[in-house]
Every structure is written in structure tokens, then in C-alpha cells.
N, C-alpha and C. Protein backbone atom coordinates (compact mmCIF):
# COMPACT_ATOMS: atom_id res chain seq x y z
N UNK A 1 119.23 104.00 105.60
CA UNK A 1 118.40 104.63 106.61
C UNK A 1 118.08 103.61 107.69
N UNK A 2 117.08 102.80 107.44
CA UNK A 2 116.64 101.85 108.44
C UNK A 2 115.81 100.79 107.75
N UNK A 3 115.53 99.72 108.46
CA UNK A 3 114.73 98.64 107.92
C UNK A 3 113.24 98.91 108.11
N UNK A 4 112.90 99.59 109.16
CA UNK A 4 111.53 100.05 109.36
C UNK A 4 111.54 101.18 110.38
N UNK A 5 110.40 101.87 110.49
CA UNK A 5 110.35 103.01 111.40
C UNK A 5 108.94 103.28 111.88
N UNK A 6 108.85 104.04 112.95
CA UNK A 6 107.57 104.54 113.45
C UNK A 6 107.47 105.99 112.99
N UNK A 7 106.48 106.29 112.16
CA UNK A 7 106.34 107.68 111.68
C UNK A 7 105.85 108.59 112.80
N UNK A 8 105.91 109.85 112.53
CA UNK A 8 105.49 110.85 113.51
C UNK A 8 104.03 110.63 113.90
N UNK A 9 103.75 110.79 115.18
CA UNK A 9 102.36 110.75 115.63
C UNK A 9 101.69 112.03 115.18
N UNK A 10 100.44 111.94 114.84
CA UNK A 10 99.72 113.11 114.34
C UNK A 10 99.78 114.29 115.31
N UNK A 11 99.75 114.01 116.60
CA UNK A 11 99.75 115.10 117.58
C UNK A 11 101.07 115.87 117.59
N UNK A 12 102.14 115.28 117.05
CA UNK A 12 103.43 115.95 117.01
C UNK A 12 103.61 116.83 115.78
N UNK A 13 102.68 116.78 114.84
CA UNK A 13 102.80 117.59 113.61
C UNK A 13 102.89 119.08 113.93
N UNK A 14 102.18 119.51 114.96
CA UNK A 14 102.21 120.95 115.29
C UNK A 14 103.58 121.39 115.77
N UNK A 15 104.42 120.48 116.24
CA UNK A 15 105.78 120.85 116.64
C UNK A 15 106.62 121.24 115.42
N UNK A 16 106.18 120.82 114.25
CA UNK A 16 106.88 121.17 113.01
C UNK A 16 106.18 122.33 112.30
N UNK A 17 105.26 122.99 113.00
CA UNK A 17 104.46 124.07 112.42
C UNK A 17 103.71 123.61 111.17
N UNK A 18 103.19 122.38 111.23
CA UNK A 18 102.42 121.82 110.14
C UNK A 18 101.06 121.38 110.63
N UNK A 19 100.10 121.38 109.73
CA UNK A 19 98.83 120.75 110.04
C UNK A 19 99.07 119.25 110.06
N UNK A 20 98.16 118.53 110.67
CA UNK A 20 98.26 117.07 110.66
C UNK A 20 98.08 116.57 109.23
N UNK A 21 98.73 115.47 108.88
CA UNK A 21 98.52 114.89 107.55
C UNK A 21 97.04 114.55 107.36
N UNK A 22 96.56 114.69 106.14
CA UNK A 22 95.14 114.43 105.86
C UNK A 22 94.91 113.02 105.34
N UNK A 23 95.92 112.19 105.37
CA UNK A 23 95.79 110.81 104.89
C UNK A 23 96.17 109.84 106.00
N UNK A 24 95.74 108.61 105.85
CA UNK A 24 96.03 107.58 106.85
C UNK A 24 97.36 106.90 106.56
N UNK A 25 98.01 106.44 107.62
CA UNK A 25 99.23 105.65 107.49
C UNK A 25 99.38 104.80 108.74
N UNK A 26 100.12 103.70 108.60
CA UNK A 26 100.36 102.79 109.72
C UNK A 26 101.33 103.42 110.71
N UNK A 27 101.35 102.88 111.91
CA UNK A 27 102.30 103.37 112.92
C UNK A 27 103.57 102.52 112.97
N UNK A 28 103.69 101.55 112.11
CA UNK A 28 104.93 100.80 111.88
C UNK A 28 105.07 100.70 110.37
N UNK A 29 106.11 101.31 109.83
CA UNK A 29 106.30 101.38 108.39
C UNK A 29 107.43 100.44 107.97
N UNK A 30 107.14 99.63 106.97
CA UNK A 30 108.11 98.72 106.37
C UNK A 30 108.19 99.03 104.88
N UNK A 31 109.25 98.55 104.19
CA UNK A 31 109.34 98.80 102.75
C UNK A 31 108.04 98.44 102.03
N UNK A 32 107.63 99.33 101.14
CA UNK A 32 106.42 99.21 100.33
C UNK A 32 105.17 99.74 101.02
N UNK A 33 105.25 100.14 102.30
CA UNK A 33 104.11 100.75 102.99
C UNK A 33 104.01 102.23 102.65
N UNK A 34 102.79 102.77 102.71
CA UNK A 34 102.61 104.21 102.59
C UNK A 34 103.15 104.89 103.84
N UNK A 35 103.80 106.03 103.65
CA UNK A 35 104.32 106.77 104.79
C UNK A 35 104.22 108.27 104.52
N UNK A 36 104.23 109.09 105.57
CA UNK A 36 104.21 110.54 105.38
C UNK A 36 105.62 111.08 105.22
N UNK A 37 105.77 112.01 104.28
CA UNK A 37 107.03 112.74 104.19
C UNK A 37 106.72 114.21 103.97
N UNK A 38 107.71 115.03 104.18
CA UNK A 38 107.55 116.48 104.07
C UNK A 38 108.38 116.99 102.90
N UNK A 39 107.71 117.76 102.04
CA UNK A 39 108.37 118.40 100.90
C UNK A 39 108.31 119.90 101.08
N UNK A 40 109.26 120.58 100.48
CA UNK A 40 109.21 122.04 100.43
C UNK A 40 108.74 122.42 99.04
N UNK A 41 107.62 123.12 98.99
CA UNK A 41 107.05 123.54 97.71
C UNK A 41 106.81 125.05 97.77
N UNK A 42 107.53 125.80 96.95
CA UNK A 42 107.46 127.26 96.94
C UNK A 42 107.64 127.83 98.35
N UNK A 43 108.66 127.35 99.03
CA UNK A 43 109.03 127.77 100.38
C UNK A 43 107.98 127.47 101.43
N UNK A 44 107.05 126.59 101.14
CA UNK A 44 106.05 126.13 102.10
C UNK A 44 106.25 124.63 102.30
N UNK A 45 106.12 124.18 103.53
CA UNK A 45 106.20 122.75 103.80
C UNK A 45 104.85 122.11 103.57
N UNK A 46 104.86 120.91 102.99
CA UNK A 46 103.61 120.20 102.77
C UNK A 46 103.82 118.70 102.97
N UNK A 47 102.75 118.05 103.43
CA UNK A 47 102.77 116.61 103.60
C UNK A 47 102.55 115.95 102.25
N UNK A 48 103.17 114.80 102.06
CA UNK A 48 102.93 113.99 100.88
C UNK A 48 102.95 112.53 101.31
N UNK A 49 102.05 111.75 100.77
CA UNK A 49 102.05 110.31 101.04
C UNK A 49 102.94 109.66 100.00
N UNK A 50 103.84 108.79 100.44
CA UNK A 50 104.77 108.12 99.54
C UNK A 50 104.96 106.68 100.01
N UNK A 51 105.48 105.87 99.13
CA UNK A 51 105.83 104.49 99.48
C UNK A 51 107.25 104.49 100.04
N UNK A 52 107.45 103.72 101.10
CA UNK A 52 108.79 103.55 101.67
C UNK A 52 109.54 102.59 100.75
N UNK A 53 110.55 103.09 100.07
CA UNK A 53 111.27 102.35 99.05
C UNK A 53 110.91 102.94 97.71
N UNK A 54 111.90 103.32 96.95
CA UNK A 54 111.63 103.97 95.67
C UNK A 54 111.33 102.95 94.59
N UNK A 55 110.55 103.38 93.62
CA UNK A 55 110.31 102.59 92.42
C UNK A 55 110.84 103.43 91.25
N UNK A 56 112.07 103.17 90.82
CA UNK A 56 112.65 103.96 89.74
C UNK A 56 111.81 103.82 88.46
N UNK A 57 111.92 104.78 87.54
CA UNK A 57 111.11 104.77 86.32
C UNK A 57 111.22 103.47 85.52
N UNK A 58 112.38 102.81 85.55
CA UNK A 58 112.58 101.61 84.75
C UNK A 58 112.07 100.33 85.42
N UNK A 59 111.76 100.38 86.71
CA UNK A 59 111.34 99.17 87.43
C UNK A 59 109.93 98.75 87.02
N UNK A 60 109.73 97.47 86.89
CA UNK A 60 108.44 96.94 86.42
C UNK A 60 107.56 96.44 87.56
N UNK A 61 108.16 96.05 88.68
CA UNK A 61 107.39 95.44 89.77
C UNK A 61 107.54 96.24 91.06
N UNK A 62 106.46 96.31 91.82
CA UNK A 62 106.49 97.02 93.10
C UNK A 62 107.44 96.35 94.08
N UNK A 63 107.68 95.05 93.93
CA UNK A 63 108.60 94.35 94.82
C UNK A 63 110.01 94.92 94.74
N UNK A 64 110.32 95.66 93.67
CA UNK A 64 111.63 96.29 93.52
C UNK A 64 111.92 97.23 94.68
N UNK A 65 110.88 97.76 95.34
CA UNK A 65 111.06 98.69 96.45
C UNK A 65 111.88 98.08 97.58
N UNK A 66 111.85 96.77 97.70
CA UNK A 66 112.62 96.13 98.77
C UNK A 66 114.12 96.29 98.57
N UNK A 67 114.54 96.57 97.35
CA UNK A 67 115.96 96.76 97.06
C UNK A 67 116.35 98.23 97.06
N UNK A 68 115.39 99.14 97.27
CA UNK A 68 115.70 100.56 97.12
C UNK A 68 115.22 101.41 98.29
N UNK A 69 115.20 100.87 99.47
CA UNK A 69 114.77 101.68 100.60
C UNK A 69 115.95 102.26 101.36
N UNK A 70 117.15 102.02 100.89
CA UNK A 70 118.33 102.50 101.60
C UNK A 70 119.35 103.02 100.60
N UNK A 71 119.58 104.32 100.58
CA UNK A 71 120.57 104.93 99.69
C UNK A 71 121.78 105.35 100.51
N UNK A 72 122.95 105.18 99.95
CA UNK A 72 124.19 105.59 100.62
C UNK A 72 124.66 106.93 100.06
N UNK A 73 125.04 107.82 100.94
CA UNK A 73 125.52 109.14 100.54
C UNK A 73 126.63 109.06 99.50
N UNK A 74 127.53 108.10 99.68
CA UNK A 74 128.70 108.02 98.81
C UNK A 74 128.35 107.65 97.37
N UNK A 75 127.23 106.96 97.15
CA UNK A 75 126.94 106.43 95.81
C UNK A 75 125.56 106.80 95.27
N UNK A 76 124.75 107.54 96.02
CA UNK A 76 123.38 107.80 95.61
C UNK A 76 123.29 108.47 94.25
N UNK A 77 124.21 109.37 93.94
CA UNK A 77 124.16 110.08 92.66
C UNK A 77 124.60 109.20 91.49
N UNK A 78 125.22 108.06 91.76
CA UNK A 78 125.73 107.19 90.70
C UNK A 78 124.84 105.98 90.45
N UNK A 79 124.15 105.50 91.47
CA UNK A 79 123.36 104.28 91.34
C UNK A 79 122.17 104.50 90.42
N UNK A 80 121.95 103.58 89.52
CA UNK A 80 120.85 103.69 88.57
C UNK A 80 119.50 103.84 89.28
N UNK A 81 119.33 103.18 90.39
CA UNK A 81 118.06 103.21 91.12
C UNK A 81 117.70 104.60 91.63
N UNK A 82 118.70 105.41 91.97
CA UNK A 82 118.46 106.71 92.60
C UNK A 82 118.82 107.90 91.72
N UNK A 83 119.53 107.67 90.64
CA UNK A 83 120.11 108.75 89.84
C UNK A 83 119.06 109.75 89.33
N UNK A 84 117.93 109.27 88.82
CA UNK A 84 116.90 110.16 88.29
C UNK A 84 116.38 111.10 89.39
N UNK A 85 116.04 110.55 90.54
CA UNK A 85 115.54 111.37 91.65
C UNK A 85 116.62 112.35 92.12
N UNK A 86 117.86 111.91 92.18
CA UNK A 86 118.95 112.77 92.63
C UNK A 86 119.14 113.95 91.67
N UNK A 87 119.16 113.67 90.40
CA UNK A 87 119.38 114.73 89.41
C UNK A 87 118.22 115.72 89.32
N UNK A 88 117.03 115.30 89.77
CA UNK A 88 115.84 116.16 89.73
C UNK A 88 115.52 116.76 91.10
N UNK A 89 116.47 116.70 92.02
CA UNK A 89 116.32 117.30 93.35
C UNK A 89 115.07 116.84 94.08
N UNK A 90 114.79 115.57 94.03
CA UNK A 90 113.63 115.01 94.74
C UNK A 90 114.07 114.64 96.17
N UNK A 91 114.18 115.65 96.99
CA UNK A 91 114.62 115.47 98.37
C UNK A 91 113.47 115.81 99.31
N UNK A 92 113.42 115.13 100.44
CA UNK A 92 112.35 115.34 101.40
C UNK A 92 112.86 114.99 102.80
N UNK A 93 111.99 115.19 103.77
CA UNK A 93 112.25 114.77 105.15
C UNK A 93 111.16 113.80 105.57
N UNK A 94 111.54 112.81 106.35
CA UNK A 94 110.57 111.88 106.92
C UNK A 94 110.59 112.09 108.43
N UNK A 95 109.50 112.61 108.99
CA UNK A 95 109.45 112.78 110.44
C UNK A 95 109.12 111.44 111.12
N UNK A 96 109.91 111.08 112.10
CA UNK A 96 109.77 109.77 112.76
C UNK A 96 109.80 109.92 114.27
N UNK A 97 109.27 108.91 114.92
CA UNK A 97 109.37 108.76 116.37
C UNK A 97 110.59 107.89 116.70
N UNK A 98 110.85 106.88 115.85
CA UNK A 98 111.97 105.95 116.08
C UNK A 98 112.27 105.21 114.78
N UNK A 99 113.51 104.76 114.65
CA UNK A 99 113.90 103.88 113.55
C UNK A 99 114.38 102.58 114.16
N UNK A 100 114.36 101.52 113.37
CA UNK A 100 114.75 100.20 113.86
C UNK A 100 115.79 99.59 112.93
N UNK A 101 116.81 99.03 113.54
CA UNK A 101 117.89 98.38 112.82
C UNK A 101 118.17 97.02 113.45
N UNK A 102 118.47 96.03 112.61
CA UNK A 102 118.84 94.73 113.16
C UNK A 102 120.33 94.67 113.49
N UNK A 103 120.65 93.94 114.50
CA UNK A 103 122.03 93.59 114.80
C UNK A 103 122.05 92.07 114.79
N UNK A 104 122.88 91.50 113.95
CA UNK A 104 122.89 90.05 113.79
C UNK A 104 123.83 89.42 114.80
N UNK A 105 123.27 88.57 115.62
CA UNK A 105 124.02 87.84 116.63
C UNK A 105 123.81 86.36 116.37
N UNK A 106 124.91 85.65 116.12
CA UNK A 106 124.83 84.23 115.78
C UNK A 106 123.87 83.97 114.62
N UNK A 107 123.87 84.87 113.64
CA UNK A 107 123.06 84.69 112.45
C UNK A 107 121.59 85.04 112.61
N UNK A 108 121.20 85.53 113.78
CA UNK A 108 119.80 85.87 114.02
C UNK A 108 119.67 87.38 114.27
N UNK A 109 118.64 87.97 113.64
CA UNK A 109 118.43 89.42 113.78
C UNK A 109 117.84 89.75 115.15
N UNK A 110 118.45 90.69 115.83
CA UNK A 110 117.94 91.26 117.08
C UNK A 110 117.67 92.73 116.78
N UNK A 111 116.43 93.15 116.97
CA UNK A 111 116.02 94.50 116.56
C UNK A 111 116.24 95.51 117.67
N UNK A 112 116.80 96.65 117.28
CA UNK A 112 117.08 97.73 118.21
C UNK A 112 116.40 99.00 117.73
N UNK A 113 115.73 99.68 118.65
CA UNK A 113 115.09 100.96 118.34
C UNK A 113 116.05 102.10 118.59
N UNK A 114 116.04 103.08 117.70
CA UNK A 114 116.86 104.28 117.84
C UNK A 114 115.89 105.45 117.91
N UNK A 115 115.97 106.21 118.99
CA UNK A 115 115.03 107.31 119.21
C UNK A 115 115.71 108.38 120.04
N UNK A 116 115.10 109.54 120.08
CA UNK A 116 115.65 110.62 120.91
C UNK A 116 115.37 110.31 122.37
N UNK A 117 116.31 110.61 123.21
CA UNK A 117 116.16 110.36 124.63
C UNK A 117 115.02 111.15 125.24
N UNK A 118 114.74 112.35 124.71
CA UNK A 118 113.65 113.16 125.25
C UNK A 118 112.28 112.79 124.68
N UNK A 119 112.24 111.77 123.79
CA UNK A 119 110.97 111.30 123.24
C UNK A 119 110.40 112.14 122.11
N UNK A 120 111.10 113.20 121.73
CA UNK A 120 110.62 114.07 120.66
C UNK A 120 110.86 113.43 119.29
N UNK A 121 110.03 113.77 118.30
CA UNK A 121 110.27 113.24 116.95
C UNK A 121 111.50 113.89 116.33
N UNK A 122 112.01 113.26 115.29
CA UNK A 122 113.14 113.81 114.54
C UNK A 122 112.92 113.49 113.07
N UNK A 123 113.74 114.04 112.20
CA UNK A 123 113.54 113.81 110.78
C UNK A 123 114.74 113.09 110.17
N UNK A 124 114.45 112.36 109.11
CA UNK A 124 115.46 111.66 108.33
C UNK A 124 115.46 112.23 106.93
N UNK A 125 116.63 112.31 106.33
CA UNK A 125 116.72 112.74 104.94
C UNK A 125 116.15 111.65 104.04
N UNK A 126 115.46 112.07 102.98
CA UNK A 126 114.84 111.13 102.07
C UNK A 126 115.05 111.58 100.63
N UNK A 127 115.04 110.62 99.74
CA UNK A 127 115.02 110.87 98.31
C UNK A 127 113.81 110.13 97.80
N UNK A 128 113.07 110.72 96.87
CA UNK A 128 111.83 110.10 96.43
C UNK A 128 111.70 110.19 94.92
N UNK A 129 110.81 109.37 94.39
CA UNK A 129 110.51 109.37 92.96
C UNK A 129 109.05 109.71 92.78
N UNK A 130 108.75 110.60 91.86
CA UNK A 130 107.35 110.92 91.55
C UNK A 130 106.72 109.72 90.86
N UNK A 131 105.44 109.47 91.19
CA UNK A 131 104.76 108.35 90.53
C UNK A 131 103.65 108.85 89.64
């Protein structure tokens, strides 16, 4: 997905026909931070607070999230870190204003923002683990 992102601004929640989230979150999200995501529950959308980066059932330390914030479509169903969530249909959307990716030039990270040209929020596919 990305190394970090700006979550949806509260004022944009109504564009998704949702109430604003009832919990606090930062406006710059990094692995291990709380973030808002959207789940479908009985055909209704609902906000849920989650950590950016999964903590699989077998992981003992929260620092493990730094190794599990990026799943690849080709291998997500096979990787031990994601397999439980994948098999249990733990899928969600993360509404964002922008995502950030590094481009390494001469061994140094240069950060680039990716956002919609019209400034509107967009969603990213997510997989999550119940805690």
C-alpha cells in the first residue's frame, strides 16, 4: 500500500454517506498508529478504529506491525502473516486524502505524495485482524 498516509478529513465523511468517526486519529498515519477504516456489517457501512499494520494471532510484540503493513495481491492468501485474516474475509476500506511513497535516489529516501488531482478523498483496500 504505502509507507504512511493522510486519513480522510472528518468533513469529507459525508461524501461517503457516513457519519463522522466518533474516535480521534492523527492526520499523518504511520505503521502502528490508530487509523479509521470502513467495514461493511449487515450491509451497513461502519467506522472502526484499527492499527495501521496487522498483528497476526501468533505475533508476540506490537513492533511486528512494522513488517505487516503492506500485503501483496499475489501472495496475501499464502503468507502466514495475512492468511488468517484472508481466510476469514477481514476486508475493509481505508479512506484517505493522500498516500506517501519513498523513491530512493542515491540511497536517500525522497517522499512523494499520491493524491487525486481534484483533491477528493479516495479509498484503499485493506485487510485487518480482529484484536
